[in-house]
Amino acid sequence: MAITCGLIPAPEGTANEVFCAEPLLVGLRPEHRLAGRPAVALSDLAHDVLGTMPEDLFPAWSLSQRQALEAAGIDPPQLVPFTLQWNPDRAHTMAVARFVHATLTAEPPDGWRTLPDHLHHREEP
């Protein structure tokens, strides 16, 4: 069982639930030409030098950053999805069932959003 960020494939025999997401934030220097804007589209930064997480340090976060950059035409807030993944055939214990249920019903932190696989998900207006 694992919780990670980014959209990941579900190998045969595993279950994936994309259950919440946090906004992707961009940090800019005060003198940057876009620093005064309330929101910045990633596509506006296409010709800038961007810093990302080293893949060796945190592969899942690096993957989610790459996925966001691939979708650079979408205006922020770009969401970084979190996925709960487990193998139901190997996880027959009540502890695993309780963990899955707790994860998929937990209230996400402030600023995060539930996604359709979250058991308490409601579409935002």
C-alpha atoms as a PDB file:
ATOM      1  CA  MET A   1       0.000   0.000   0.000  1.00  0.00           C
ATOM      2  CA  ALA A   2       1.289   3.449  -0.848  1.00  0.00           C
ATOM      3  CA  ILE A   3       0.196   7.043  -1.173  1.00  0.00           C
ATOM      4  CA  THR A   4       2.083   9.088  -3.713  1.00  0.00           C
ATOM      5  CA  CYS A   5       1.597  12.134  -5.891  1.00  0.00           C
ATOM      6  CA  GLY A   6       1.208  12.282  -9.627  1.00  0.00           C
ATOM      7  CA  LEU A   7      -0.841  10.133 -11.961  1.00  0.00           C
ATOM      8  CA  ILE A   8       0.688   6.666 -11.920  1.00  0.00           C
ATOM      9  CA  PRO A   9      -0.184   3.499 -13.814  1.00  0.00           C
ATOM     10  CA  ALA A  10      -2.025   0.714 -11.982  1.00  0.00           C
ATOM     11  CA  PRO A  11      -0.067  -2.500 -12.498  1.00  0.00           C
ATOM     12  CA  GLU A  12      -2.191  -5.614 -12.929  1.00  0.00           C
ATOM     13  CA  GLY A  13      -3.638  -6.712  -9.611  1.00  0.00           C
ATOM     14  CA  THR A  14      -3.517  -3.293  -7.942  1.00  0.00           C
ATOM     15  CA  ALA A  15      -6.204  -0.752  -7.216  1.00  0.00           C
ATOM     16  CA  ASN A  16      -5.700   2.995  -7.744  1.00  0.00           C
ATOM     17  CA  GLU A  17      -7.846   5.757  -6.291  1.00  0.00           C
ATOM     18  CA  VAL A  18      -6.937   9.382  -7.102  1.00  0.00           C
ATOM     19  CA  PHE A  19      -8.557  10.903  -4.042  1.00  0.00           C
ATOM     20  CA  CYS A  20      -7.292  14.456  -3.466  1.00  0.00           C
ATOM     21  CA  ALA A  21      -4.999  17.117  -4.889  1.00  0.00           C
ATOM     22  CA  GLU A  22      -3.090  20.168  -3.776  1.00  0.00           C
ATOM     23  CA  PRO A  23      -2.592  23.339  -5.848  1.00  0.00           C
ATOM     24  CA  LEU A  24       0.674  23.587  -7.743  1.00  0.00           C
ATOM     25  CA  LEU A  25       2.409  26.800  -6.738  1.00  0.00           C
ATOM     26  CA  VAL A  26       5.070  28.709  -8.629  1.00  0.00           C
ATOM     27  CA  GLY A  27       7.658  30.749  -6.772  1.00  0.00           C
ATOM     28  CA  LEU A  28       8.969  33.846  -8.550  1.00  0.00           C
ATOM     29  CA  ARG A  29      11.658  36.337  -7.646  1.00  0.00           C
ATOM     30  CA  PRO A  30      10.229  39.770  -6.732  1.00  0.00           C
ATOM     31  CA  GLU A  31      11.756  41.315  -9.863  1.00  0.00           C
ATOM     32  CA  HIS A  32      10.312  38.667 -12.228  1.00  0.00           C
ATOM     33  CA  ARG A  33       8.084  40.174 -14.945  1.00  0.00           C
ATOM     34  CA  LEU A  34       5.081  38.110 -13.757  1.00  0.00           C
ATOM     35  CA  ALA A  35       5.592  38.529 -10.006  1.00  0.00           C
ATOM     36  CA  GLY A  36       2.713  40.997  -9.530  1.00  0.00           C
ATOM     37  CA  ARG A  37       0.045  38.704 -10.975  1.00  0.00           C
ATOM     38  CA  PRO A  38      -2.370  36.847  -8.695  1.00  0.00           C
ATOM     39  CA  ALA A  39      -1.984  33.721 -10.889  1.00  0.00           C
ATOM     40  CA  VAL A  40       0.500  32.623 -13.529  1.00  0.00           C
ATOM     41  CA  ALA A  41      -0.141  30.100 -16.285  1.00  0.00           C
ATOM     42  CA  LEU A  42       2.705  27.639 -16.653  1.00  0.00           C
ATOM     43  CA  SER A  43       2.654  28.388 -20.381  1.00  0.00           C
ATOM     44  CA  ASP A  44       3.694  31.988 -19.488  1.00  0.00           C
ATOM     45  CA  LEU A  45       6.904  30.493 -18.094  1.00  0.00           C
ATOM     46  CA  ALA A  46       7.676  28.355 -21.144  1.00  0.00           C
ATOM     47  CA  HIS A  47      10.808  30.348 -22.036  1.00  0.00           C
ATOM     48  CA  ASP A  48      12.061  30.798 -18.454  1.00  0.00           C
ATOM     49  CA  VAL A  49      14.561  28.594 -16.649  1.00  0.00           C
ATOM     50  CA  LEU A  50      12.503  26.433 -14.294  1.00  0.00           C
ATOM     51  CA  GLY A  51      13.704  24.569 -11.240  1.00  0.00           C
ATOM     52  CA  THR A  52      12.143  21.191 -10.511  1.00  0.00           C
ATOM     53  CA  MET A  53      12.585  18.479  -7.915  1.00  0.00           C
ATOM     54  CA  PRO A  54      15.501  16.114  -8.668  1.00  0.00           C
ATOM     55  CA  GLU A  55      14.033  12.753  -9.696  1.00  0.00           C
ATOM     56  CA  ASP A  56      16.475  10.843  -7.472  1.00  0.00           C
ATOM     57  CA  LEU A  57      15.367  12.814  -4.390  1.00  0.00           C
ATOM     58  CA  PHE A  58      11.576  12.378  -4.725  1.00  0.00           C
ATOM     59  CA  PRO A  59      10.572  10.510  -7.907  1.00  0.00           C
ATOM     60  CA  ALA A  60       6.822  10.918  -7.421  1.00  0.00           C
ATOM     61  CA  TRP A  61       6.980  14.682  -6.916  1.00  0.00           C
ATOM     62  CA  SER A  62       9.296  14.992  -9.891  1.00  0.00           C
ATOM     63  CA  LEU A  63       6.764  13.018 -11.950  1.00  0.00           C
ATOM     64  CA  SER A  64       3.907  15.260 -10.868  1.00  0.00           C
ATOM     65  CA  GLN A  65       5.921  18.357 -11.815  1.00  0.00           C
ATOM     66  CA  ARG A  66       6.663  16.905 -15.252  1.00  0.00           C
ATOM     67  CA  GLN A  67       2.991  16.054 -15.717  1.00  0.00           C
ATOM     68  CA  ALA A  68       2.026  19.622 -14.819  1.00  0.00           C
ATOM     69  CA  LEU A  69       4.574  21.062 -17.226  1.00  0.00           C
ATOM     70  CA  GLU A  70       3.278  18.792 -20.001  1.00  0.00           C
ATOM     71  CA  ALA A  71      -0.125  20.337 -19.452  1.00  0.00           C
ATOM     72  CA  ALA A  72       1.345  23.861 -19.531  1.00  0.00           C
ATOM     73  CA  GLY A  73      -1.524  25.278 -21.538  1.00  0.00           C
ATOM     74  CA  ILE A  74      -3.832  25.026 -18.504  1.00  0.00           C
ATOM     75  CA  ASP A  75      -4.144  28.058 -16.245  1.00  0.00           C
ATOM     76  CA  PRO A  76      -3.434  27.610 -12.537  1.00  0.00           C
ATOM     77  CA  PRO A  77      -4.370  26.366 -10.095  1.00  0.00           C
ATOM     78  CA  GLN A  78      -2.863  23.235 -11.554  1.00  0.00           C
ATOM     79  CA  LEU A  79      -3.609  20.405  -9.147  1.00  0.00           C
ATOM     80  CA  VAL A  80      -1.053  17.800  -8.090  1.00  0.00           C
ATOM     81  CA  PRO A  81      -3.053  14.591  -7.640  1.00  0.00           C
ATOM     82  CA  PHE A  82      -2.357  12.074  -4.867  1.00  0.00           C
ATOM     83  CA  THR A  83      -3.007   8.378  -5.497  1.00  0.00           C
ATOM     84  CA  LEU A  84      -3.621   5.576  -3.000  1.00  0.00           C
ATOM     85  CA  GLN A  85      -2.450   2.292  -4.488  1.00  0.00           C
ATOM     86  CA  TRP A  86      -2.741  -1.208  -3.051  1.00  0.00           C
ATOM     87  CA  ASN A  87      -3.078  -4.830  -4.100  1.00  0.00           C
ATOM     88  CA  PRO A  88      -6.498  -6.069  -2.927  1.00  0.00           C
ATOM     89  CA  ASP A  89      -5.439  -9.716  -3.400  1.00  0.00           C
ATOM     90  CA  ARG A  90      -2.619  -9.272  -0.878  1.00  0.00           C
ATOM     91  CA  ALA A  91      -4.463  -7.008   1.520  1.00  0.00           C
ATOM     92  CA  HIS A  92      -7.288  -8.913   3.163  1.00  0.00           C
ATOM     93  CA  THR A  93      -6.742  -7.607   6.691  1.00  0.00           C
ATOM     94  CA  MET A  94      -9.088  -5.268   8.509  1.00  0.00           C
ATOM     95  CA  ALA A  95      -6.166  -2.900   9.099  1.00  0.00           C
ATOM     96  CA  VAL A  96      -5.735  -2.408   5.349  1.00  0.00           C
ATOM     97  CA  ALA A  97      -9.476  -1.940   4.852  1.00  0.00           C
ATOM     98  CA  ARG A  98      -9.583   0.648   7.658  1.00  0.00           C
ATOM     99  CA  PHE A  99      -6.554   2.485   6.207  1.00  0.00           C
ATOM    100  CA  VAL A 100      -8.102   2.614   2.721  1.00  0.00           C
ATOM    101  CA  HIS A 101     -11.430   3.820   4.127  1.00  0.00           C
ATOM    102  CA  ALA A 102      -9.745   6.399   6.378  1.00  0.00           C
ATOM    103  CA  THR A 103      -7.678   7.726   3.475  1.00  0.00           C
ATOM    104  CA  LEU A 104     -10.612   7.962   1.080  1.00  0.00           C
ATOM    105  CA  THR A 105     -12.850   9.738   3.622  1.00  0.00           C
ATOM    106  CA  ALA A 106     -10.314  12.019   5.342  1.00  0.00           C
ATOM    107  CA  GLU A 107     -10.780  15.761   5.056  1.00  0.00           C
ATOM    108  CA  PRO A 108      -7.853  17.053   2.960  1.00  0.00           C
ATOM    109  CA  PRO A 109      -5.717  19.924   4.319  1.00  0.00           C
ATOM    110  CA  ASP A 110      -6.798  23.536   3.757  1.00  0.00           C
ATOM    111  CA  GLY A 111      -6.371  24.539   0.123  1.00  0.00           C
ATOM    112  CA  TRP A 112      -6.492  20.960  -1.165  1.00  0.00           C
ATOM    113  CA  ARG A 113      -9.444  19.496  -3.058  1.00  0.00           C
ATOM    114  CA  THR A 114     -11.079  16.111  -3.060  1.00  0.00           C
ATOM    115  CA  LEU A 115     -11.195  14.323  -6.415  1.00  0.00           C
ATOM    116  CA  PRO A 116     -13.846  11.902  -7.779  1.00  0.00           C
ATOM    117  CA  ASP A 117     -12.419   8.765  -6.099  1.00  0.00           C
ATOM    118  CA  HIS A 118     -12.648  10.403  -2.649  1.00  0.00           C
ATOM    119  CA  LEU A 119     -15.756   9.074  -0.905  1.00  0.00           C
ATOM    120  CA  HIS A 120     -16.902  12.570   0.143  1.00  0.00           C
ATOM    121  CA  HIS A 121     -16.106  14.312  -3.166  1.00  0.00           C
ATOM    122  CA  ARG A 122     -18.428  17.087  -4.292  1.00  0.00           C
ATOM    123  CA  GLU A 123     -17.996  18.949  -7.569  1.00  0.00           C
ATOM    124  CA  GLU A 124     -16.786  22.510  -6.998  1.00  0.00           C
ATOM    125  CA  PRO A 125     -18.794  25.333  -8.564  1.00  0.00           C
END
